[in-house]
Amino acid sequence: MKRWTALLVLGVLTAMSGCGAETGSGGSAPASGGGSGSATSVDPTASTPTPTPEPSGVPAPIVEGEVTVVLDTDGYAMGQKIRVTVHNGNDRPAYTEDFKTACSIVILQRKDNGGWADITGCALGRPTMTVTIQPGSADPIELDPASFHLKSGPAVTAGTYRVKFTYRTEPEITGADPFTAYSPEFPVR
């Protein structure tokens, strides 16, 4: 009986390790840093996103007063893990839920007929959790196209993508998150 219990626990832990289970302040497994991407943030009072350039090979700094989504590179090969970091440069926490793309706190989007299609998928089988990103901190996220979470939805194929992060400044859920930050668009080839 102990052997079966141990095998069951091992199986659950193994399943959780590849699914983007929360590993810190929120999101999925940590990504390796040192990106060369750039970020685009959306100021809820502005009408257009503002690009934030980043020097190649240097981790993106947290931009004061903005929440940004930073890529680790400018493009990806099909099947390659997509690594992004959400930076909170605001003076208050950013709150969101997990259970988005691959059980993370971000949504991978594919350009589709002039619009953007969400690529979601989370097969954790637990209630959604609120994740907090504290002011001045960053949350690395890894989206694995080979994850079993994405097997039931649309595949990550060649095309143009971006990563969307929605958030609010209060912990209570009162509807859709009012603020959004996007990564720059990037190719998957």
N, C-alpha and C. Protein backbone atom coordinates (compact mmCIF):
# COMPACT_ATOMS: atom_id res chain seq x y z
N MET A 1 0.82 -1.19 0.00
CA MET A 1 0.00 0.00 0.00
C MET A 1 0.87 1.26 0.00
N LYS A 2 1.99 1.25 0.79
CA LYS A 2 2.87 2.41 0.83
C LYS A 2 3.50 2.65 -0.53
N ARG A 3 3.80 1.56 -1.24
CA ARG A 3 4.41 1.69 -2.56
C ARG A 3 3.45 2.41 -3.51
N TRP A 4 2.17 2.05 -3.50
CA TRP A 4 1.19 2.69 -4.38
C TRP A 4 1.00 4.16 -4.02
N THR A 5 0.99 4.47 -2.74
CA THR A 5 0.87 5.87 -2.31
C THR A 5 2.07 6.67 -2.78
N ALA A 6 3.26 6.12 -2.63
CA ALA A 6 4.47 6.80 -3.07
C ALA A 6 4.45 7.01 -4.58
N LEU A 7 4.02 6.02 -5.34
CA LEU A 7 3.93 6.16 -6.78
C LEU A 7 2.91 7.21 -7.18
N LEU A 8 1.79 7.28 -6.48
CA LEU A 8 0.77 8.28 -6.77
C LEU A 8 1.31 9.68 -6.51
N VAL A 9 1.98 9.88 -5.37
CA VAL A 9 2.56 11.18 -5.04
C VAL A 9 3.61 11.56 -6.08
N LEU A 10 4.47 10.64 -6.44
CA LEU A 10 5.49 10.89 -7.45
C LEU A 10 4.85 11.28 -8.78
N GLY A 11 3.79 10.60 -9.17
CA GLY A 11 3.10 10.92 -10.43
C GLY A 11 2.51 12.31 -10.41
N VAL A 12 1.88 12.70 -9.31
CA VAL A 12 1.29 14.04 -9.20
C VAL A 12 2.38 15.10 -9.26
N LEU A 13 3.49 14.89 -8.54
CA LEU A 13 4.57 15.86 -8.56
C LEU A 13 5.20 15.97 -9.94
N THR A 14 5.34 14.86 -10.63
CA THR A 14 5.89 14.89 -11.98
C THR A 14 4.97 15.66 -12.91
N ALA A 15 3.68 15.44 -12.82
CA ALA A 15 2.72 16.16 -13.67
C ALA A 15 2.76 17.65 -13.40
N MET A 16 2.87 18.03 -12.13
CA MET A 16 2.90 19.45 -11.79
C MET A 16 4.18 20.13 -12.22
N SER A 17 5.28 19.39 -12.27
CA SER A 17 6.55 20.02 -12.60
C SER A 17 6.59 20.51 -14.04
N GLY A 18 5.82 19.93 -14.93
CA GLY A 18 5.85 20.34 -16.32
C GLY A 18 4.67 21.18 -16.72
N CYS A 19 3.87 21.65 -15.78
CA CYS A 19 2.65 22.33 -16.17
C CYS A 19 2.61 23.79 -15.81
N GLY A 20 3.69 24.36 -15.38
CA GLY A 20 3.67 25.77 -15.05
C GLY A 20 3.08 26.03 -13.68
N ALA A 21 3.22 25.06 -12.76
CA ALA A 21 2.73 25.28 -11.40
C ALA A 21 3.44 26.48 -10.81
N GLU A 22 2.78 27.17 -9.92
CA GLU A 22 3.34 28.38 -9.34
C GLU A 22 4.63 28.06 -8.61
N THR A 23 5.67 28.89 -8.87
CA THR A 23 6.98 28.62 -8.29
C THR A 23 7.56 29.81 -7.56
N GLY A 24 6.80 30.77 -7.25
CA GLY A 24 7.34 31.94 -6.57
C GLY A 24 6.25 32.96 -6.46
N SER A 25 6.51 34.16 -6.99
CA SER A 25 5.51 35.21 -6.91
C SER A 25 4.38 34.96 -7.88
N GLY A 26 4.50 33.97 -8.75
CA GLY A 26 3.42 33.63 -9.67
C GLY A 26 3.96 33.18 -10.98
N GLY A 27 3.14 32.47 -11.73
CA GLY A 27 3.55 32.06 -13.06
C GLY A 27 4.12 30.68 -13.07
N SER A 28 4.91 30.43 -14.06
CA SER A 28 5.43 29.10 -14.25
C SER A 28 6.91 29.05 -13.95
N ALA A 29 7.50 27.96 -14.34
CA ALA A 29 8.90 27.72 -14.02
C ALA A 29 9.77 28.88 -14.47
N PRO A 30 10.80 29.19 -13.73
CA PRO A 30 11.65 30.31 -14.08
C PRO A 30 12.33 30.11 -15.41
N ALA A 31 12.46 31.18 -16.13
CA ALA A 31 13.15 31.14 -17.40
C ALA A 31 14.56 31.64 -17.20
N SER A 32 15.44 31.25 -18.10
CA SER A 32 16.77 31.80 -18.01
C SER A 32 16.72 33.24 -18.49
N GLY A 33 17.40 34.12 -17.82
CA GLY A 33 17.32 35.55 -18.12
C GLY A 33 18.23 35.91 -19.27
N GLY A 34 18.65 37.17 -19.29
CA GLY A 34 19.60 37.63 -20.29
C GLY A 34 18.97 37.80 -21.63
N GLY A 35 17.79 38.40 -21.71
CA GLY A 35 17.09 38.52 -22.97
C GLY A 35 17.60 39.62 -23.84
N SER A 36 17.24 39.53 -25.11
CA SER A 36 17.55 40.58 -26.04
C SER A 36 16.29 41.15 -26.64
N GLY A 37 15.13 40.79 -26.08
CA GLY A 37 13.87 41.30 -26.59
C GLY A 37 13.62 42.70 -26.09
N SER A 38 12.45 43.21 -26.40
CA SER A 38 12.05 44.49 -25.89
C SER A 38 10.65 44.36 -25.35
N ALA A 39 10.15 45.42 -24.78
CA ALA A 39 8.85 45.35 -24.14
C ALA A 39 7.92 46.42 -24.69
N THR A 40 6.65 46.15 -24.62
CA THR A 40 5.65 47.15 -24.92
C THR A 40 4.69 47.15 -23.77
N SER A 41 4.42 48.31 -23.24
CA SER A 41 3.47 48.38 -22.15
C SER A 41 2.29 49.24 -22.58
N VAL A 42 1.18 49.04 -21.91
CA VAL A 42 0.00 49.81 -22.21
C VAL A 42 -0.36 50.62 -20.98
N ASP A 43 -0.34 51.93 -21.13
CA ASP A 43 -0.77 52.83 -20.08
C ASP A 43 -2.27 52.99 -20.24
N PRO A 44 -3.07 52.67 -19.20
CA PRO A 44 -4.52 52.73 -19.35
C PRO A 44 -5.03 54.11 -19.71
N THR A 45 -4.22 55.16 -19.52
CA THR A 45 -4.66 56.51 -19.87
C THR A 45 -4.17 56.92 -21.25
N ALA A 46 -3.28 56.16 -21.85
CA ALA A 46 -2.75 56.49 -23.18
C ALA A 46 -3.52 55.73 -24.24
N SER A 47 -3.44 56.23 -25.48
CA SER A 47 -4.20 55.59 -26.55
C SER A 47 -3.37 54.57 -27.33
N THR A 48 -2.04 54.65 -27.28
CA THR A 48 -1.21 53.70 -28.02
C THR A 48 -0.12 53.14 -27.12
N PRO A 49 0.31 51.88 -27.39
CA PRO A 49 1.38 51.30 -26.59
C PRO A 49 2.70 52.01 -26.84
N THR A 50 3.56 52.00 -25.84
CA THR A 50 4.87 52.63 -25.95
C THR A 50 5.96 51.57 -25.95
N PRO A 51 6.81 51.49 -26.99
CA PRO A 51 7.88 50.52 -26.98
C PRO A 51 8.98 50.93 -26.00
N THR A 52 9.55 49.94 -25.34
CA THR A 52 10.66 50.17 -24.42
C THR A 52 11.84 49.35 -24.93
N PRO A 53 12.85 49.98 -25.54
CA PRO A 53 13.97 49.21 -26.09
C PRO A 53 14.83 48.62 -24.98
N GLU A 54 15.54 47.55 -25.35
CA GLU A 54 16.43 46.90 -24.40
C GLU A 54 17.72 46.53 -25.11
N PRO A 55 18.87 46.82 -24.52
CA PRO A 55 20.13 46.42 -25.13
C PRO A 55 20.24 44.90 -25.22
N SER A 56 20.84 44.42 -26.28
CA SER A 56 20.98 42.98 -26.50
C SER A 56 21.81 42.33 -25.41
N GLY A 57 21.32 41.19 -24.89
CA GLY A 57 22.06 40.41 -23.92
C GLY A 57 22.02 40.93 -22.49
N VAL A 58 21.31 42.01 -22.25
CA VAL A 58 21.22 42.58 -20.91
C VAL A 58 19.80 42.41 -20.40
N PRO A 59 19.61 41.88 -19.19
CA PRO A 59 18.25 41.75 -18.68
C PRO A 59 17.55 43.10 -18.66
N ALA A 60 16.28 43.09 -19.02
CA ALA A 60 15.52 44.34 -19.08
C ALA A 60 15.32 44.90 -17.68
N PRO A 61 15.55 46.20 -17.53
CA PRO A 61 15.30 46.80 -16.23
C PRO A 61 13.79 46.97 -16.02
N ILE A 62 13.41 47.09 -14.78
CA ILE A 62 12.01 47.37 -14.48
C ILE A 62 11.79 48.85 -14.73
N VAL A 63 10.81 49.18 -15.57
CA VAL A 63 10.53 50.56 -15.93
C VAL A 63 9.59 51.16 -14.89
N GLU A 64 10.03 52.19 -14.24
CA GLU A 64 9.23 52.81 -13.18
C GLU A 64 7.90 53.30 -13.74
N GLY A 65 6.82 52.94 -13.06
CA GLY A 65 5.48 53.38 -13.43
C GLY A 65 4.80 52.55 -14.50
N GLU A 66 5.45 51.47 -14.95
CA GLU A 66 4.87 50.63 -16.01
C GLU A 66 4.96 49.15 -15.65
N VAL A 67 4.01 48.39 -16.16
CA VAL A 67 4.09 46.94 -16.15
C VAL A 67 4.47 46.55 -17.57
N THR A 68 5.53 45.79 -17.73
CA THR A 68 6.01 45.43 -19.07
C THR A 68 6.14 43.91 -19.20
N VAL A 69 6.08 43.45 -20.43
CA VAL A 69 6.26 42.03 -20.76
C VAL A 69 7.47 41.96 -21.69
N VAL A 70 8.52 41.28 -21.25
CA VAL A 70 9.80 41.25 -21.96
C VAL A 70 10.09 39.84 -22.45
N LEU A 71 10.47 39.72 -23.72
CA LEU A 71 10.86 38.44 -24.30
C LEU A 71 12.35 38.20 -24.07
N ASP A 72 12.76 36.93 -24.09
CA ASP A 72 14.18 36.64 -23.94
C ASP A 72 14.91 36.67 -25.28
N THR A 73 14.17 36.75 -26.39
CA THR A 73 14.77 36.81 -27.72
C THR A 73 13.76 37.44 -28.67
N ASP A 74 14.19 37.70 -29.89
CA ASP A 74 13.32 38.36 -30.87
C ASP A 74 12.47 37.40 -31.69
N GLY A 75 12.71 36.10 -31.59
CA GLY A 75 11.95 35.11 -32.35
C GLY A 75 12.28 33.71 -31.86
N TYR A 76 11.45 32.76 -32.24
CA TYR A 76 11.58 31.39 -31.74
C TYR A 76 11.42 30.40 -32.88
N ALA A 77 12.06 29.25 -32.72
CA ALA A 77 11.87 28.14 -33.65
C ALA A 77 10.64 27.35 -33.20
N MET A 78 9.98 26.68 -34.14
CA MET A 78 8.82 25.87 -33.77
C MET A 78 9.27 24.85 -32.72
N GLY A 79 8.49 24.72 -31.66
CA GLY A 79 8.78 23.79 -30.58
C GLY A 79 9.65 24.36 -29.49
N GLN A 80 10.29 25.51 -29.72
CA GLN A 80 11.15 26.14 -28.72
C GLN A 80 10.31 26.75 -27.61
N LYS A 81 10.80 26.67 -26.38
CA LYS A 81 10.12 27.28 -25.24
C LYS A 81 10.16 28.79 -25.37
N ILE A 82 9.04 29.43 -25.09
CA ILE A 82 8.93 30.88 -25.15
C ILE A 82 9.09 31.40 -23.73
N ARG A 83 10.11 32.20 -23.53
CA ARG A 83 10.41 32.72 -22.19
C ARG A 83 10.14 34.22 -22.15
N VAL A 84 9.30 34.61 -21.21
CA VAL A 84 8.95 36.02 -21.03
C VAL A 84 9.08 36.36 -19.55
N THR A 85 9.21 37.63 -19.27
CA THR A 85 9.23 38.10 -17.89
C THR A 85 8.27 39.27 -17.78
N VAL A 86 7.40 39.21 -16.77
CA VAL A 86 6.49 40.31 -16.47
C VAL A 86 7.16 41.13 -15.38
N HIS A 87 7.41 42.41 -15.67
CA HIS A 87 8.04 43.33 -14.73
C HIS A 87 6.99 44.29 -14.19
N ASN A 88 6.93 44.46 -12.87
CA ASN A 88 6.00 45.41 -12.26
C ASN A 88 6.78 46.63 -11.78
N GLY A 89 6.72 47.70 -12.55
CA GLY A 89 7.38 48.95 -12.18
C GLY A 89 6.45 49.92 -11.48
N ASN A 90 5.24 49.50 -11.22
CA ASN A 90 4.29 50.35 -10.50
C ASN A 90 4.62 50.41 -9.02
N ASP A 91 3.98 51.34 -8.31
CA ASP A 91 4.21 51.47 -6.88
C ASP A 91 3.20 50.67 -6.07
N ARG A 92 2.44 49.80 -6.72
CA ARG A 92 1.48 48.93 -6.03
C ARG A 92 1.50 47.56 -6.70
N PRO A 93 1.04 46.53 -6.00
CA PRO A 93 1.06 45.18 -6.58
C PRO A 93 0.17 45.06 -7.81
N ALA A 94 0.53 44.14 -8.67
CA ALA A 94 -0.30 43.76 -9.82
C ALA A 94 -0.89 42.39 -9.50
N TYR A 95 -2.20 42.26 -9.64
CA TYR A 95 -2.90 41.01 -9.34
C TYR A 95 -3.47 40.44 -10.63
N THR A 96 -3.37 39.13 -10.77
CA THR A 96 -3.95 38.43 -11.91
C THR A 96 -4.23 36.99 -11.49
N GLU A 97 -4.77 36.21 -12.39
CA GLU A 97 -5.01 34.80 -12.12
C GLU A 97 -4.12 33.94 -13.00
N ASP A 98 -3.84 32.74 -12.50
CA ASP A 98 -3.14 31.77 -13.34
C ASP A 98 -4.21 31.07 -14.19
N PHE A 99 -3.93 29.97 -14.74
CA PHE A 99 -4.84 29.20 -15.60
C PHE A 99 -5.00 29.83 -16.98
N LYS A 100 -4.02 30.58 -17.39
CA LYS A 100 -4.05 31.12 -18.75
C LYS A 100 -3.22 30.17 -19.61
N THR A 101 -2.47 30.63 -20.57
CA THR A 101 -1.72 29.72 -21.43
C THR A 101 -0.79 28.84 -20.60
N ALA A 102 -0.94 27.54 -20.75
CA ALA A 102 -0.12 26.55 -20.04
C ALA A 102 -0.11 26.79 -18.53
N CYS A 103 -1.26 27.18 -17.98
CA CYS A 103 -1.44 27.40 -16.54
C CYS A 103 -0.59 28.54 -16.00
N SER A 104 -0.20 29.46 -16.85
CA SER A 104 0.63 30.58 -16.43
C SER A 104 -0.26 31.81 -16.19
N ILE A 105 0.38 32.95 -15.99
CA ILE A 105 -0.36 34.20 -15.78
C ILE A 105 -0.44 35.05 -17.04
N VAL A 106 0.05 34.52 -18.16
CA VAL A 106 0.01 35.26 -19.43
C VAL A 106 -0.78 34.48 -20.47
N ILE A 107 -1.16 35.20 -21.53
CA ILE A 107 -1.88 34.57 -22.64
C ILE A 107 -1.03 34.72 -23.89
N LEU A 108 -0.69 33.61 -24.51
CA LEU A 108 -0.01 33.63 -25.79
C LEU A 108 -1.07 33.90 -26.86
N GLN A 109 -0.79 34.84 -27.76
CA GLN A 109 -1.73 35.17 -28.82
C GLN A 109 -1.05 35.01 -30.17
N ARG A 110 -1.83 34.51 -31.15
CA ARG A 110 -1.34 34.33 -32.52
C ARG A 110 -2.10 35.29 -33.42
N LYS A 111 -1.37 35.98 -34.31
CA LYS A 111 -2.01 36.87 -35.28
C LYS A 111 -2.80 36.00 -36.25
N ASP A 112 -4.09 36.33 -36.41
CA ASP A 112 -4.98 35.49 -37.19
C ASP A 112 -5.98 36.36 -37.94
N ASN A 113 -5.83 36.44 -39.26
CA ASN A 113 -6.74 37.23 -40.10
C ASN A 113 -6.87 38.67 -39.63
N GLY A 114 -5.75 39.30 -39.29
CA GLY A 114 -5.76 40.70 -38.89
C GLY A 114 -6.08 40.93 -37.42
N GLY A 115 -6.51 39.91 -36.69
CA GLY A 115 -6.80 40.03 -35.26
C GLY A 115 -5.87 39.14 -34.47
N TRP A 116 -6.16 38.99 -33.19
CA TRP A 116 -5.34 38.16 -32.31
C TRP A 116 -6.18 37.06 -31.70
N ALA A 117 -5.72 35.82 -31.82
CA ALA A 117 -6.42 34.66 -31.25
C ALA A 117 -5.66 34.18 -30.01
N ASP A 118 -6.38 34.03 -28.91
CA ASP A 118 -5.77 33.53 -27.68
C ASP A 118 -5.46 32.05 -27.80
N ILE A 119 -4.29 31.65 -27.33
CA ILE A 119 -3.93 30.24 -27.23
C ILE A 119 -3.91 29.92 -25.74
N THR A 120 -4.92 29.22 -25.31
CA THR A 120 -5.04 28.91 -23.89
C THR A 120 -4.92 27.41 -23.69
N GLY A 121 -4.98 27.00 -22.47
CA GLY A 121 -4.92 25.58 -22.14
C GLY A 121 -4.29 25.40 -20.79
N CYS A 122 -5.03 24.78 -19.88
CA CYS A 122 -4.51 24.47 -18.56
C CYS A 122 -5.28 23.26 -18.05
N ALA A 123 -4.58 22.18 -17.84
CA ALA A 123 -5.21 20.93 -17.41
C ALA A 123 -4.80 20.55 -15.99
N LEU A 124 -4.65 21.56 -15.12
CA LEU A 124 -4.21 21.27 -13.76
C LEU A 124 -5.27 20.58 -12.92
N GLY A 125 -6.53 20.93 -13.09
CA GLY A 125 -7.58 20.31 -12.31
C GLY A 125 -7.67 20.85 -10.89
N ARG A 126 -7.40 22.12 -10.71
CA ARG A 126 -7.55 22.76 -9.41
C ARG A 126 -8.18 24.14 -9.65
N PRO A 127 -8.69 24.77 -8.60
CA PRO A 127 -9.26 26.11 -8.80
C PRO A 127 -8.19 27.12 -9.23
N THR A 128 -8.62 28.13 -9.94
CA THR A 128 -7.73 29.22 -10.34
C THR A 128 -7.22 29.93 -9.10
N MET A 129 -5.96 30.36 -9.15
CA MET A 129 -5.37 31.07 -8.01
C MET A 129 -5.00 32.49 -8.42
N THR A 130 -5.18 33.43 -7.48
CA THR A 130 -4.74 34.80 -7.71
C THR A 130 -3.24 34.86 -7.46
N VAL A 131 -2.53 35.52 -8.35
CA VAL A 131 -1.09 35.67 -8.27
C VAL A 131 -0.79 37.15 -8.10
N THR A 132 0.15 37.47 -7.22
CA THR A 132 0.55 38.84 -6.95
C THR A 132 1.98 39.07 -7.41
N ILE A 133 2.19 40.13 -8.18
CA ILE A 133 3.54 40.55 -8.53
C ILE A 133 3.76 41.86 -7.78
N GLN A 134 4.67 41.85 -6.83
CA GLN A 134 4.91 43.00 -5.98
C GLN A 134 5.58 44.14 -6.77
N PRO A 135 5.42 45.37 -6.30
CA PRO A 135 6.09 46.50 -6.96
C PRO A 135 7.61 46.28 -7.02
N GLY A 136 8.19 46.62 -8.14
CA GLY A 136 9.63 46.49 -8.29
C GLY A 136 10.12 45.07 -8.49
N SER A 137 9.22 44.13 -8.72
CA SER A 137 9.67 42.75 -8.91
C SER A 137 9.29 42.25 -10.31
N ALA A 138 9.80 41.08 -10.64
CA ALA A 138 9.57 40.50 -11.96
C ALA A 138 9.20 39.03 -11.80
N ASP A 139 8.42 38.53 -12.74
CA ASP A 139 7.99 37.14 -12.70
C ASP A 139 8.36 36.46 -14.02
N PRO A 140 9.38 35.58 -14.03
CA PRO A 140 9.74 34.87 -15.25
C PRO A 140 8.73 33.76 -15.55
N ILE A 141 8.41 33.60 -16.81
CA ILE A 141 7.42 32.61 -17.24
C ILE A 141 7.97 31.86 -18.44
N GLU A 142 7.74 30.56 -18.48
CA GLU A 142 8.17 29.73 -19.60
C GLU A 142 6.95 29.04 -20.18
N LEU A 143 6.72 29.25 -21.46
CA LEU A 143 5.62 28.60 -22.16
C LEU A 143 6.21 27.51 -23.05
N ASP A 144 5.87 26.28 -22.77
CA ASP A 144 6.42 25.15 -23.51
C ASP A 144 5.37 24.64 -24.49
N PRO A 145 5.59 24.83 -25.80
CA PRO A 145 4.62 24.35 -26.78
C PRO A 145 4.38 22.85 -26.72
N ALA A 146 5.31 22.09 -26.14
CA ALA A 146 5.15 20.64 -26.03
C ALA A 146 4.40 20.24 -24.75
N SER A 147 4.03 21.21 -23.92
CA SER A 147 3.34 20.92 -22.68
C SER A 147 2.01 20.23 -22.96
N PHE A 148 1.64 19.29 -22.09
CA PHE A 148 0.37 18.60 -22.29
C PHE A 148 -0.81 19.57 -22.15
N HIS A 149 -0.60 20.72 -21.55
CA HIS A 149 -1.66 21.72 -21.44
C HIS A 149 -2.06 22.27 -22.80
N LEU A 150 -1.13 22.34 -23.71
CA LEU A 150 -1.41 22.92 -25.02
C LEU A 150 -1.76 21.88 -26.08
N LYS A 151 -1.74 20.62 -25.74
CA LYS A 151 -2.03 19.57 -26.70
C LYS A 151 -3.49 19.58 -27.14
N SER A 152 -4.41 20.01 -26.25
CA SER A 152 -5.84 19.97 -26.60
C SER A 152 -6.29 21.20 -27.36
N GLY A 153 -5.51 22.27 -27.32
CA GLY A 153 -5.90 23.51 -28.00
C GLY A 153 -5.16 23.66 -29.31
N PRO A 154 -5.23 24.86 -29.88
CA PRO A 154 -4.51 25.10 -31.13
C PRO A 154 -3.01 25.03 -30.90
N ALA A 155 -2.31 24.41 -31.82
CA ALA A 155 -0.88 24.23 -31.68
C ALA A 155 -0.14 25.53 -31.94
N VAL A 156 1.06 25.62 -31.39
CA VAL A 156 1.94 26.76 -31.67
C VAL A 156 2.67 26.41 -32.95
N THR A 157 2.21 26.98 -34.04
CA THR A 157 2.77 26.71 -35.36
C THR A 157 3.48 27.96 -35.86
N ALA A 158 4.04 27.90 -37.04
CA ALA A 158 4.71 29.06 -37.62
C ALA A 158 3.72 30.21 -37.74
N GLY A 159 4.18 31.39 -37.39
CA GLY A 159 3.32 32.57 -37.47
C GLY A 159 3.85 33.70 -36.62
N THR A 160 3.02 34.72 -36.45
CA THR A 160 3.36 35.88 -35.65
C THR A 160 2.60 35.82 -34.33
N TYR A 161 3.30 36.07 -33.24
CA TYR A 161 2.74 35.93 -31.90
C TYR A 161 3.06 37.17 -31.06
N ARG A 162 2.38 37.25 -29.92
CA ARG A 162 2.72 38.18 -28.86
C ARG A 162 2.22 37.57 -27.55
N VAL A 163 2.67 38.12 -26.43
CA VAL A 163 2.24 37.65 -25.11
C VAL A 163 1.48 38.78 -24.44
N LYS A 164 0.32 38.45 -23.91
CA LYS A 164 -0.58 39.42 -23.28
C LYS A 164 -0.64 39.13 -21.77
N PHE A 165 -0.52 40.20 -20.98
CA PHE A 165 -0.65 40.09 -19.52
C PHE A 165 -1.73 41.06 -19.07
N THR A 166 -2.79 40.54 -18.46
CA THR A 166 -3.84 41.40 -17.92
C THR A 166 -3.74 41.41 -16.41
N TYR A 167 -4.05 42.56 -15.82
CA TYR A 167 -3.92 42.67 -14.37
C TYR A 167 -4.82 43.76 -13.82
N ARG A 168 -4.88 43.79 -12.50
CA ARG A 168 -5.61 44.82 -11.77
C ARG A 168 -4.76 45.24 -10.59
N THR A 169 -5.16 46.30 -9.91
CA THR A 169 -4.37 46.80 -8.78
C THR A 169 -5.01 46.49 -7.44
N GLU A 170 -6.11 45.77 -7.44
CA GLU A 170 -6.78 45.35 -6.22
C GLU A 170 -6.87 43.82 -6.22
N PRO A 171 -6.76 43.17 -5.06
CA PRO A 171 -6.77 41.71 -5.04
C PRO A 171 -8.13 41.09 -5.38
N GLU A 172 -9.21 41.81 -5.15
CA GLU A 172 -10.54 41.26 -5.41
C GLU A 172 -10.83 41.23 -6.92
N ILE A 173 -11.47 40.16 -7.34
CA ILE A 173 -11.89 40.03 -8.74
C ILE A 173 -13.24 40.71 -8.87
N THR A 174 -13.31 41.74 -9.72
CA THR A 174 -14.57 42.47 -9.90
C THR A 174 -14.97 42.51 -11.37
N GLY A 175 -14.52 41.55 -12.13
CA GLY A 175 -14.78 41.51 -13.57
C GLY A 175 -13.48 41.31 -14.30
N ALA A 176 -13.45 41.71 -15.55
CA ALA A 176 -12.24 41.57 -16.36
C ALA A 176 -11.15 42.49 -15.82
N ASP A 177 -9.90 42.03 -15.90
CA ASP A 177 -8.77 42.86 -15.48
C ASP A 177 -8.73 44.13 -16.34
N PRO A 178 -8.65 45.32 -15.73
CA PRO A 178 -8.73 46.56 -16.50
C PRO A 178 -7.46 46.99 -17.21
N PHE A 179 -6.31 46.41 -16.86
CA PHE A 179 -5.05 46.84 -17.44
C PHE A 179 -4.41 45.70 -18.23
N THR A 180 -3.70 46.07 -19.30
CA THR A 180 -3.08 45.07 -20.17
C THR A 180 -1.69 45.54 -20.58
N ALA A 181 -0.74 44.62 -20.59
CA ALA A 181 0.60 44.87 -21.12
C ALA A 181 0.89 43.78 -22.15
N TYR A 182 1.54 44.14 -23.25
CA TYR A 182 1.86 43.20 -24.32
C TYR A 182 3.36 43.14 -24.53
N SER A 183 3.82 41.97 -24.95
CA SER A 183 5.19 41.86 -25.45
C SER A 183 5.19 42.42 -26.87
N PRO A 184 6.36 42.65 -27.42
CA PRO A 184 6.41 42.95 -28.85
C PRO A 184 5.96 41.73 -29.64
N GLU A 185 5.55 41.93 -30.86
CA GLU A 185 5.23 40.80 -31.74
C GLU A 185 6.52 40.07 -32.05
N PHE A 186 6.42 38.74 -32.25
CA PHE A 186 7.60 37.95 -32.57
C PHE A 186 7.21 36.79 -33.48
N PRO A 187 8.17 36.34 -34.31
CA PRO A 187 7.88 35.21 -35.19
C PRO A 187 8.19 33.88 -34.53
N VAL A 188 7.42 32.86 -34.91
CA VAL A 188 7.75 31.46 -34.64
C VAL A 188 7.92 30.86 -36.03
N ARG A 189 9.12 30.29 -36.28
CA ARG A 189 9.44 29.76 -37.61
C ARG A 189 9.73 28.28 -37.55
